């Protein structure tokens, strides 16, 4: 882990202009000073910058290895997945997953998600039919990858379907059986 953090640090140092971080003018802008003296100061500042930054990165790596910093890169646990199909004469397709990660449980509509449109689409759950009171959020987009947080008051294990539900007309727009 420390090696990975050091690699990221070195990439950062190579990609950024450390002079701007230290308050020096950007490349090509020279002050009227003794060139040798200016270069010496800049080199000393660069060394101090690199040394202090490496100390911080190393300390962060030790803390991360100890587990006190949350690991946001950890893999999510897939609780279930399915494919949408249209209902009520609507066209819908695409995948959906229910995952659990460091932030809680989420419904994730996949990149291939599509809904032809509706006046009031919302994401909800069902068990062999829509269950009222399970709507978690308005649909943000008719296409593409989207994430919706599931409130802690809903236990997703109690449901076997994800719905795109039209609240205005109380009809299903799309259903995905979760397996």
N, C-alpha and C. Protein backbone atom coordinates (compact mmCIF):
# COMPACT_ATOMS: atom_id res chain seq x y z
N UNK A 1 0.82 -1.18 0.00
CA UNK A 1 0.00 0.00 0.00
C UNK A 1 0.87 1.26 0.00
N UNK A 2 1.93 1.26 0.78
CA UNK A 2 2.82 2.42 0.82
C UNK A 2 3.44 2.66 -0.55
N UNK A 3 3.81 1.59 -1.23
CA UNK A 3 4.40 1.74 -2.56
C UNK A 3 3.40 2.38 -3.52
N UNK A 4 2.13 2.01 -3.42
CA UNK A 4 1.10 2.58 -4.29
C UNK A 4 0.92 4.06 -4.00
N UNK A 5 0.92 4.44 -2.73
CA UNK A 5 0.77 5.86 -2.37
C UNK A 5 1.98 6.65 -2.85
N UNK A 6 3.18 6.08 -2.69
CA UNK A 6 4.38 6.78 -3.18
C UNK A 6 4.33 6.96 -4.69
N UNK A 7 3.85 5.95 -5.41
CA UNK A 7 3.72 6.06 -6.86
C UNK A 7 2.77 7.19 -7.24
N UNK A 8 1.64 7.29 -6.54
CA UNK A 8 0.71 8.38 -6.79
C UNK A 8 1.36 9.73 -6.49
N UNK A 9 2.12 9.79 -5.41
CA UNK A 9 2.81 11.03 -5.05
C UNK A 9 3.77 11.45 -6.15
N UNK A 10 4.58 10.48 -6.64
CA UNK A 10 5.54 10.82 -7.69
C UNK A 10 4.85 11.28 -8.96
N UNK A 11 3.73 10.66 -9.29
CA UNK A 11 2.98 11.13 -10.46
C UNK A 11 2.48 12.54 -10.26
N UNK A 12 2.01 12.84 -9.02
CA UNK A 12 1.54 14.19 -8.71
C UNK A 12 2.67 15.20 -8.88
N UNK A 13 3.83 14.89 -8.34
CA UNK A 13 4.97 15.80 -8.40
C UNK A 13 5.38 16.03 -9.85
N UNK A 14 5.38 14.98 -10.65
CA UNK A 14 5.77 15.13 -12.05
C UNK A 14 4.74 15.91 -12.85
N UNK A 15 3.47 15.85 -12.45
CA UNK A 15 2.41 16.50 -13.23
C UNK A 15 2.17 17.95 -12.82
N UNK A 16 2.50 18.33 -11.60
CA UNK A 16 2.21 19.69 -11.17
C UNK A 16 3.46 20.57 -11.25
N UNK A 17 3.24 21.85 -11.27
CA UNK A 17 4.34 22.79 -11.25
C UNK A 17 4.57 23.19 -9.80
N UNK A 18 5.54 22.57 -9.15
CA UNK A 18 5.78 22.78 -7.72
C UNK A 18 6.13 24.23 -7.41
N UNK A 19 6.62 24.97 -8.40
CA UNK A 19 6.96 26.38 -8.15
C UNK A 19 5.72 27.18 -7.79
N UNK A 20 4.60 26.90 -8.45
CA UNK A 20 3.38 27.63 -8.13
C UNK A 20 2.89 27.27 -6.73
N UNK A 21 3.07 26.01 -6.32
CA UNK A 21 2.68 25.61 -4.98
C UNK A 21 3.53 26.34 -3.95
N UNK A 22 4.82 26.54 -4.24
CA UNK A 22 5.71 27.21 -3.31
C UNK A 22 5.67 28.74 -3.43
N UNK A 23 4.85 29.27 -4.35
CA UNK A 23 4.75 30.71 -4.50
C UNK A 23 5.72 31.30 -5.50
N UNK A 24 6.46 30.50 -6.23
CA UNK A 24 7.36 31.00 -7.26
C UNK A 24 6.57 31.28 -8.52
N UNK A 25 7.06 32.19 -9.35
CA UNK A 25 6.36 32.45 -10.60
C UNK A 25 6.44 31.23 -11.52
N UNK A 26 5.48 31.08 -12.46
CA UNK A 26 5.50 29.95 -13.38
C UNK A 26 6.74 29.98 -14.27
N UNK A 27 6.97 28.88 -14.96
CA UNK A 27 8.11 28.80 -15.88
C UNK A 27 8.09 29.96 -16.86
N UNK A 28 9.26 30.47 -17.19
CA UNK A 28 9.38 31.54 -18.18
C UNK A 28 9.28 32.93 -17.59
N UNK A 29 8.92 33.08 -16.35
CA UNK A 29 8.82 34.38 -15.70
C UNK A 29 9.97 34.50 -14.70
N UNK A 30 10.98 35.25 -15.05
CA UNK A 30 12.17 35.37 -14.19
C UNK A 30 12.19 36.74 -13.54
N UNK A 31 12.50 36.76 -12.27
CA UNK A 31 12.69 38.03 -11.58
C UNK A 31 14.12 38.50 -11.83
N UNK A 32 14.32 39.77 -11.64
CA UNK A 32 15.67 40.31 -11.81
C UNK A 32 16.46 40.04 -10.54
N UNK A 33 17.03 38.86 -10.47
CA UNK A 33 17.84 38.49 -9.32
C UNK A 33 19.07 37.78 -9.85
N UNK A 34 19.96 37.52 -8.95
CA UNK A 34 21.13 36.74 -9.29
C UNK A 34 20.64 35.33 -9.63
N UNK A 35 20.87 34.86 -10.86
CA UNK A 35 20.38 33.56 -11.32
C UNK A 35 20.85 32.43 -10.41
N UNK A 36 22.11 32.46 -10.00
CA UNK A 36 22.65 31.39 -9.18
C UNK A 36 21.94 31.37 -7.83
N UNK A 37 21.80 32.57 -7.23
CA UNK A 37 21.15 32.66 -5.93
C UNK A 37 19.70 32.20 -6.04
N UNK A 38 18.96 32.64 -7.06
CA UNK A 38 17.56 32.27 -7.26
C UNK A 38 17.40 30.78 -7.45
N UNK A 39 18.27 30.17 -8.24
CA UNK A 39 18.20 28.72 -8.48
C UNK A 39 18.46 27.95 -7.20
N UNK A 40 19.43 28.44 -6.40
CA UNK A 40 19.74 27.77 -5.14
C UNK A 40 18.52 27.79 -4.21
N UNK A 41 17.86 28.93 -4.11
CA UNK A 41 16.68 29.04 -3.24
C UNK A 41 15.58 28.12 -3.75
N UNK A 42 15.38 28.12 -5.08
CA UNK A 42 14.33 27.29 -5.64
C UNK A 42 14.62 25.80 -5.41
N UNK A 43 15.87 25.40 -5.54
CA UNK A 43 16.22 24.00 -5.31
C UNK A 43 16.02 23.61 -3.85
N UNK A 44 16.40 24.53 -2.92
CA UNK A 44 16.20 24.25 -1.51
C UNK A 44 14.70 24.15 -1.20
N UNK A 45 13.90 25.03 -1.78
CA UNK A 45 12.46 25.00 -1.55
C UNK A 45 11.86 23.72 -2.12
N UNK A 46 12.34 23.31 -3.27
CA UNK A 46 11.83 22.09 -3.91
C UNK A 46 12.14 20.87 -3.03
N UNK A 47 13.37 20.82 -2.53
CA UNK A 47 13.75 19.71 -1.66
C UNK A 47 12.88 19.70 -0.40
N UNK A 48 12.67 20.86 0.20
CA UNK A 48 11.85 20.95 1.42
C UNK A 48 10.41 20.53 1.11
N UNK A 49 9.91 20.99 -0.02
CA UNK A 49 8.55 20.63 -0.43
C UNK A 49 8.42 19.11 -0.59
N UNK A 50 9.35 18.50 -1.32
CA UNK A 50 9.31 17.06 -1.56
C UNK A 50 9.46 16.28 -0.26
N UNK A 51 10.38 16.70 0.59
CA UNK A 51 10.61 16.00 1.85
C UNK A 51 9.38 16.06 2.74
N UNK A 52 8.83 17.26 2.91
CA UNK A 52 7.65 17.41 3.78
C UNK A 52 6.45 16.67 3.21
N UNK A 53 6.28 16.71 1.91
CA UNK A 53 5.15 16.02 1.30
C UNK A 53 5.30 14.51 1.44
N UNK A 54 6.53 14.00 1.27
CA UNK A 54 6.75 12.56 1.45
C UNK A 54 6.48 12.14 2.89
N UNK A 55 6.81 12.99 3.85
CA UNK A 55 6.52 12.67 5.25
C UNK A 55 5.01 12.55 5.45
N UNK A 56 4.25 13.48 4.87
CA UNK A 56 2.81 13.44 4.99
C UNK A 56 2.23 12.21 4.31
N UNK A 57 2.73 11.90 3.11
CA UNK A 57 2.24 10.74 2.38
C UNK A 57 2.56 9.47 3.15
N UNK A 58 3.77 9.35 3.69
CA UNK A 58 4.14 8.16 4.46
C UNK A 58 3.29 8.04 5.70
N UNK A 59 3.05 9.14 6.39
CA UNK A 59 2.20 9.11 7.59
C UNK A 59 0.80 8.69 7.21
N UNK A 60 0.28 9.20 6.09
CA UNK A 60 -1.04 8.81 5.63
C UNK A 60 -1.10 7.34 5.29
N UNK A 61 -0.04 6.81 4.71
CA UNK A 61 -0.01 5.38 4.36
C UNK A 61 -0.03 4.52 5.61
N UNK A 62 0.69 4.94 6.65
CA UNK A 62 0.71 4.18 7.90
C UNK A 62 -0.67 4.19 8.53
N UNK A 63 -1.32 5.36 8.56
CA UNK A 63 -2.66 5.45 9.13
C UNK A 63 -3.63 4.62 8.31
N UNK A 64 -3.53 4.67 6.96
CA UNK A 64 -4.42 3.89 6.11
C UNK A 64 -4.20 2.41 6.32
N UNK A 65 -2.95 2.00 6.49
CA UNK A 65 -2.67 0.58 6.71
C UNK A 65 -3.24 0.13 8.05
N UNK A 66 -3.30 1.04 9.01
CA UNK A 66 -3.85 0.70 10.32
C UNK A 66 -5.37 0.61 10.28
N UNK A 67 -5.97 1.09 9.19
CA UNK A 67 -7.41 0.96 9.03
C UNK A 67 -8.22 2.09 9.61
N UNK A 68 -7.61 3.22 9.97
CA UNK A 68 -8.38 4.31 10.55
C UNK A 68 -8.95 5.23 9.48
N UNK A 69 -8.46 5.14 8.27
CA UNK A 69 -9.01 5.90 7.16
C UNK A 69 -9.90 4.94 6.38
N UNK A 70 -11.18 5.32 6.08
CA UNK A 70 -12.05 4.39 5.36
C UNK A 70 -11.50 4.10 3.97
N UNK A 71 -11.65 2.86 3.54
CA UNK A 71 -11.18 2.43 2.23
C UNK A 71 -12.32 2.56 1.24
N UNK A 72 -12.36 3.71 0.52
CA UNK A 72 -13.44 3.94 -0.43
C UNK A 72 -13.26 3.12 -1.69
N UNK A 73 -12.10 2.53 -1.89
CA UNK A 73 -11.86 1.74 -3.09
C UNK A 73 -12.29 0.29 -2.90
N UNK A 74 -12.79 -0.05 -1.71
CA UNK A 74 -13.17 -1.44 -1.48
C UNK A 74 -14.34 -1.81 -2.39
N UNK A 75 -14.39 -3.06 -2.79
CA UNK A 75 -15.42 -3.52 -3.70
C UNK A 75 -16.76 -3.57 -2.99
N UNK A 76 -17.80 -3.25 -3.75
CA UNK A 76 -19.15 -3.33 -3.23
C UNK A 76 -19.63 -4.77 -3.29
N UNK A 77 -20.51 -5.12 -2.39
CA UNK A 77 -21.12 -6.45 -2.38
C UNK A 77 -22.43 -6.37 -3.15
N UNK A 78 -22.56 -7.22 -4.16
CA UNK A 78 -23.79 -7.23 -4.95
C UNK A 78 -24.81 -8.09 -4.23
N UNK A 79 -25.95 -7.48 -3.90
CA UNK A 79 -27.02 -8.18 -3.21
C UNK A 79 -27.99 -8.82 -4.19
N UNK A 80 -28.02 -8.32 -5.42
CA UNK A 80 -28.91 -8.87 -6.44
C UNK A 80 -28.82 -8.05 -7.71
N UNK A 81 -29.31 -8.62 -8.80
CA UNK A 81 -29.32 -7.90 -10.08
C UNK A 81 -30.44 -8.41 -10.95
N UNK A 82 -30.76 -7.65 -11.97
CA UNK A 82 -31.82 -8.04 -12.90
C UNK A 82 -31.80 -7.16 -14.13
N UNK A 83 -32.77 -7.40 -15.02
CA UNK A 83 -32.91 -6.64 -16.26
C UNK A 83 -34.31 -6.06 -16.33
N UNK A 84 -34.41 -4.79 -16.72
CA UNK A 84 -35.71 -4.13 -16.83
C UNK A 84 -36.43 -4.57 -18.09
N UNK A 85 -37.76 -4.62 -17.97
CA UNK A 85 -38.63 -4.77 -19.14
C UNK A 85 -39.78 -3.79 -18.95
N UNK A 86 -40.29 -3.26 -20.06
CA UNK A 86 -41.32 -2.24 -20.00
C UNK A 86 -42.67 -2.78 -19.56
N UNK A 87 -43.47 -1.91 -18.97
CA UNK A 87 -44.85 -2.23 -18.56
C UNK A 87 -45.75 -1.06 -18.97
N UNK A 88 -47.04 -1.31 -18.99
CA UNK A 88 -48.05 -0.28 -19.29
C UNK A 88 -47.75 0.40 -20.62
N UNK A 89 -47.39 -0.38 -21.61
CA UNK A 89 -47.07 0.07 -22.97
C UNK A 89 -45.85 1.00 -23.03
N UNK A 90 -44.97 0.90 -22.06
CA UNK A 90 -43.72 1.66 -22.08
C UNK A 90 -42.58 0.74 -22.48
N UNK A 91 -41.55 1.34 -23.07
CA UNK A 91 -40.37 0.59 -23.48
C UNK A 91 -39.26 0.90 -22.48
N UNK A 92 -38.68 -0.15 -21.95
CA UNK A 92 -37.57 -0.01 -21.02
C UNK A 92 -36.66 -1.21 -21.16
N UNK A 93 -35.39 -0.98 -20.92
CA UNK A 93 -34.41 -2.06 -20.96
C UNK A 93 -33.20 -1.65 -20.13
N UNK A 94 -32.32 -2.61 -19.90
CA UNK A 94 -31.08 -2.32 -19.19
C UNK A 94 -31.02 -3.03 -17.86
N UNK A 95 -29.81 -3.06 -17.32
CA UNK A 95 -29.56 -3.77 -16.08
C UNK A 95 -29.71 -2.90 -14.85
N UNK A 96 -29.90 -3.57 -13.73
CA UNK A 96 -29.96 -2.91 -12.43
C UNK A 96 -29.28 -3.83 -11.42
N UNK A 97 -28.58 -3.24 -10.48
CA UNK A 97 -27.95 -3.98 -9.38
C UNK A 97 -28.34 -3.33 -8.06
N UNK A 98 -28.44 -4.16 -7.06
CA UNK A 98 -28.58 -3.66 -5.69
C UNK A 98 -27.27 -4.02 -5.01
N UNK A 99 -26.58 -2.99 -4.51
CA UNK A 99 -25.26 -3.21 -3.92
C UNK A 99 -25.22 -2.67 -2.50
N UNK A 100 -24.27 -3.19 -1.75
CA UNK A 100 -23.99 -2.65 -0.42
C UNK A 100 -22.52 -2.25 -0.39
N UNK A 101 -22.26 -1.01 0.00
CA UNK A 101 -20.89 -0.51 0.07
C UNK A 101 -20.72 0.29 1.36
N UNK A 102 -19.66 1.03 1.46
CA UNK A 102 -19.38 1.82 2.66
C UNK A 102 -20.41 2.88 2.96
N UNK A 103 -21.19 3.27 1.95
CA UNK A 103 -22.21 4.30 2.15
C UNK A 103 -23.57 3.71 2.49
N UNK A 104 -23.73 2.39 2.38
CA UNK A 104 -25.02 1.75 2.65
C UNK A 104 -25.47 0.94 1.44
N UNK A 105 -26.77 0.77 1.30
CA UNK A 105 -27.35 0.02 0.19
C UNK A 105 -27.76 1.00 -0.90
N UNK A 106 -27.46 0.64 -2.15
CA UNK A 106 -27.80 1.50 -3.29
C UNK A 106 -28.41 0.67 -4.41
N UNK A 107 -29.32 1.29 -5.16
CA UNK A 107 -29.82 0.74 -6.41
C UNK A 107 -29.02 1.42 -7.51
N UNK A 108 -28.40 0.61 -8.37
CA UNK A 108 -27.57 1.14 -9.44
C UNK A 108 -28.16 0.73 -10.79
N UNK A 109 -28.66 1.71 -11.54
CA UNK A 109 -29.11 1.47 -12.90
C UNK A 109 -27.86 1.48 -13.77
N UNK A 110 -27.72 0.49 -14.62
CA UNK A 110 -26.50 0.32 -15.41
C UNK A 110 -26.44 1.27 -16.61
N UNK A 111 -25.30 1.29 -17.29
CA UNK A 111 -25.07 2.16 -18.44
C UNK A 111 -26.11 1.95 -19.54
N UNK A 112 -26.60 0.72 -19.68
CA UNK A 112 -27.54 0.40 -20.76
C UNK A 112 -29.00 0.69 -20.40
N UNK A 113 -29.25 1.32 -19.25
CA UNK A 113 -30.63 1.61 -18.84
C UNK A 113 -31.28 2.59 -19.81
N UNK A 114 -32.57 2.31 -20.12
CA UNK A 114 -33.35 3.17 -21.00
C UNK A 114 -34.82 3.10 -20.61
N UNK A 115 -35.48 4.24 -20.57
CA UNK A 115 -36.93 4.33 -20.40
C UNK A 115 -37.42 5.34 -21.42
N UNK A 116 -38.52 5.02 -22.11
CA UNK A 116 -39.00 5.89 -23.19
C UNK A 116 -39.61 7.20 -22.72
N UNK A 117 -39.92 7.31 -21.46
CA UNK A 117 -40.44 8.57 -20.93
C UNK A 117 -41.73 8.36 -20.16
N UNK A 118 -42.02 9.28 -19.25
CA UNK A 118 -43.24 9.25 -18.45
C UNK A 118 -43.29 10.54 -17.65
N UNK A 119 -44.48 10.93 -17.18
CA UNK A 119 -44.58 12.22 -16.49
C UNK A 119 -44.01 12.24 -15.07
N UNK A 120 -43.99 11.12 -14.37
CA UNK A 120 -43.58 11.15 -12.96
C UNK A 120 -42.88 9.85 -12.55
N UNK A 121 -41.76 9.49 -13.23
CA UNK A 121 -41.13 8.20 -12.91
C UNK A 121 -40.32 8.26 -11.61
N UNK A 122 -40.48 7.20 -10.80
CA UNK A 122 -39.74 7.09 -9.55
C UNK A 122 -39.24 5.67 -9.39
N UNK A 123 -38.18 5.51 -8.59
CA UNK A 123 -37.58 4.20 -8.34
C UNK A 123 -38.17 3.65 -7.05
N UNK A 124 -38.59 2.38 -7.11
CA UNK A 124 -39.19 1.75 -5.93
C UNK A 124 -38.98 0.25 -5.95
N UNK A 125 -39.63 -0.45 -5.02
CA UNK A 125 -39.47 -1.89 -4.87
C UNK A 125 -40.83 -2.60 -4.90
N UNK A 126 -40.76 -3.90 -5.15
CA UNK A 126 -41.96 -4.72 -5.11
C UNK A 126 -41.63 -6.15 -4.73
N UNK A 127 -42.69 -6.86 -4.39
CA UNK A 127 -42.58 -8.30 -4.12
C UNK A 127 -43.76 -8.94 -4.86
N UNK A 128 -43.45 -9.43 -6.07
CA UNK A 128 -44.49 -9.98 -6.95
C UNK A 128 -45.60 -8.96 -7.17
N UNK A 129 -45.23 -7.73 -7.35
CA UNK A 129 -46.13 -6.59 -7.52
C UNK A 129 -45.59 -5.41 -6.72
N UNK A 130 -45.91 -4.22 -7.17
CA UNK A 130 -45.41 -3.01 -6.52
C UNK A 130 -45.92 -2.92 -5.08
N UNK A 131 -45.03 -2.50 -4.18
CA UNK A 131 -45.38 -2.32 -2.77
C UNK A 131 -45.40 -0.81 -2.48
N UNK A 132 -46.59 -0.26 -2.15
CA UNK A 132 -46.67 1.16 -1.83
C UNK A 132 -45.75 1.50 -0.63
N UNK A 133 -45.22 2.70 -0.65
CA UNK A 133 -44.35 3.15 0.43
C UNK A 133 -42.89 2.81 0.22
N UNK A 134 -42.54 2.25 -0.95
CA UNK A 134 -41.15 1.86 -1.20
C UNK A 134 -40.45 2.78 -2.20
N UNK A 135 -41.10 3.86 -2.62
CA UNK A 135 -40.45 4.77 -3.57
C UNK A 135 -39.28 5.47 -2.88
N UNK A 136 -38.10 5.42 -3.52
CA UNK A 136 -36.92 5.98 -2.87
C UNK A 136 -36.46 7.29 -3.50
N UNK A 137 -36.81 7.52 -4.79
CA UNK A 137 -36.33 8.75 -5.42
C UNK A 137 -36.98 8.92 -6.79
N UNK A 138 -37.13 10.17 -7.23
CA UNK A 138 -37.52 10.39 -8.63
C UNK A 138 -36.39 9.91 -9.55
N UNK A 139 -36.75 9.40 -10.71
CA UNK A 139 -35.77 8.98 -11.70
C UNK A 139 -35.04 10.22 -12.20
N UNK A 140 -33.72 10.22 -12.15
CA UNK A 140 -32.94 11.41 -12.53
C UNK A 140 -32.77 11.56 -14.02
N UNK A 141 -32.75 10.44 -14.74
CA UNK A 141 -32.52 10.49 -16.18
C UNK A 141 -33.21 9.30 -16.82
N UNK A 142 -33.61 9.46 -18.06
CA UNK A 142 -34.26 8.37 -18.78
C UNK A 142 -33.25 7.37 -19.33
N UNK A 143 -31.97 7.71 -19.29
CA UNK A 143 -30.94 6.81 -19.82
C UNK A 143 -29.71 6.82 -18.94
N UNK A 144 -28.95 5.74 -19.01
CA UNK A 144 -27.61 5.71 -18.43
C UNK A 144 -27.53 5.31 -16.97
N UNK A 145 -26.27 5.29 -16.52
CA UNK A 145 -25.92 4.85 -15.16
C UNK A 145 -26.38 5.88 -14.14
N UNK A 146 -27.02 5.36 -13.09
CA UNK A 146 -27.54 6.21 -12.01
C UNK A 146 -27.48 5.42 -10.71
N UNK A 147 -27.31 6.14 -9.59
CA UNK A 147 -27.26 5.52 -8.26
C UNK A 147 -28.32 6.17 -7.38
N UNK A 148 -28.98 5.30 -6.61
CA UNK A 148 -30.01 5.78 -5.68
C UNK A 148 -29.78 5.13 -4.32
N UNK A 149 -29.64 5.94 -3.30
CA UNK A 149 -29.45 5.43 -1.95
C UNK A 149 -30.77 4.87 -1.42
N UNK A 150 -30.70 3.71 -0.80
CA UNK A 150 -31.88 3.09 -0.20
C UNK A 150 -31.91 3.49 1.27
N UNK A 151 -33.02 4.06 1.73
CA UNK A 151 -33.09 4.45 3.15
C UNK A 151 -32.97 3.23 4.06
N UNK A 152 -32.41 3.44 5.22
CA UNK A 152 -32.23 2.36 6.18
C UNK A 152 -33.54 1.73 6.64
N UNK A 153 -34.65 2.45 6.47
CA UNK A 153 -35.95 1.92 6.89
C UNK A 153 -36.46 0.82 5.95
N UNK A 154 -35.86 0.70 4.75
CA UNK A 154 -36.26 -0.35 3.79
C UNK A 154 -35.25 -1.48 3.83
N UNK A 155 -35.73 -2.69 4.04
CA UNK A 155 -34.87 -3.87 4.00
C UNK A 155 -35.03 -4.49 2.62
N UNK A 156 -34.01 -4.37 1.78
CA UNK A 156 -34.12 -4.84 0.40
C UNK A 156 -34.32 -6.35 0.31
N UNK A 157 -33.98 -7.07 1.35
CA UNK A 157 -34.19 -8.53 1.36
C UNK A 157 -35.67 -8.89 1.31
N UNK A 158 -36.55 -7.94 1.65
CA UNK A 158 -37.99 -8.19 1.64
C UNK A 158 -38.60 -8.08 0.25
N UNK A 159 -37.82 -7.68 -0.75
CA UNK A 159 -38.36 -7.41 -2.09
C UNK A 159 -37.61 -8.22 -3.13
N UNK A 160 -38.31 -8.54 -4.22
CA UNK A 160 -37.69 -9.30 -5.31
C UNK A 160 -37.79 -8.59 -6.65
N UNK A 161 -38.20 -7.32 -6.64
CA UNK A 161 -38.32 -6.54 -7.87
C UNK A 161 -37.92 -5.08 -7.62
N UNK A 162 -37.34 -4.49 -8.66
CA UNK A 162 -37.11 -3.04 -8.67
C UNK A 162 -38.06 -2.47 -9.70
N UNK A 163 -38.76 -1.41 -9.32
CA UNK A 163 -39.75 -0.79 -10.19
C UNK A 163 -39.31 0.61 -10.61
N UNK A 164 -39.67 0.97 -11.82
CA UNK A 164 -39.76 2.37 -12.21
C UNK A 164 -41.27 2.60 -12.26
N UNK A 165 -41.74 3.42 -11.35
CA UNK A 165 -43.17 3.57 -11.09
C UNK A 165 -43.61 4.99 -11.42
N UNK A 166 -44.75 5.14 -12.10
CA UNK A 166 -45.32 6.46 -12.36
C UNK A 166 -46.27 6.78 -11.22
N UNK A 167 -45.85 7.68 -10.36
CA UNK A 167 -46.66 8.00 -9.19
C UNK A 167 -47.92 8.76 -9.57
N UNK A 168 -47.84 9.60 -10.59
CA UNK A 168 -49.00 10.40 -10.99
C UNK A 168 -50.18 9.52 -11.41
N UNK A 169 -49.89 8.47 -12.19
CA UNK A 169 -50.97 7.61 -12.69
C UNK A 169 -51.01 6.24 -11.98
N UNK A 170 -50.11 6.02 -11.03
CA UNK A 170 -50.08 4.78 -10.23
C UNK A 170 -50.00 3.54 -11.14
N UNK A 171 -49.04 3.57 -12.08
CA UNK A 171 -48.84 2.43 -12.97
C UNK A 171 -47.34 2.12 -13.06
N UNK A 172 -47.01 0.85 -13.28
CA UNK A 172 -45.59 0.50 -13.47
C UNK A 172 -45.13 0.91 -14.87
N UNK A 173 -43.92 1.42 -14.96
CA UNK A 173 -43.32 1.77 -16.24
C UNK A 173 -42.30 0.72 -16.66
N UNK A 174 -41.60 0.16 -15.66
CA UNK A 174 -40.60 -0.88 -15.91
C UNK A 174 -40.42 -1.70 -14.64
N UNK A 175 -40.12 -2.98 -14.83
CA UNK A 175 -39.90 -3.88 -13.70
C UNK A 175 -38.67 -4.73 -13.99
N UNK A 176 -37.86 -4.93 -12.97
CA UNK A 176 -36.70 -5.84 -13.07
C UNK A 176 -36.82 -6.85 -11.94
N UNK A 177 -36.90 -8.12 -12.30
CA UNK A 177 -36.89 -9.20 -11.31
C UNK A 177 -35.46 -9.32 -10.79
N UNK A 178 -35.31 -9.32 -9.47
CA UNK A 178 -34.00 -9.38 -8.85
C UNK A 178 -33.69 -10.81 -8.44
N UNK A 179 -32.54 -11.27 -8.88
CA UNK A 179 -32.13 -12.64 -8.54
C UNK A 179 -30.72 -12.68 -8.03
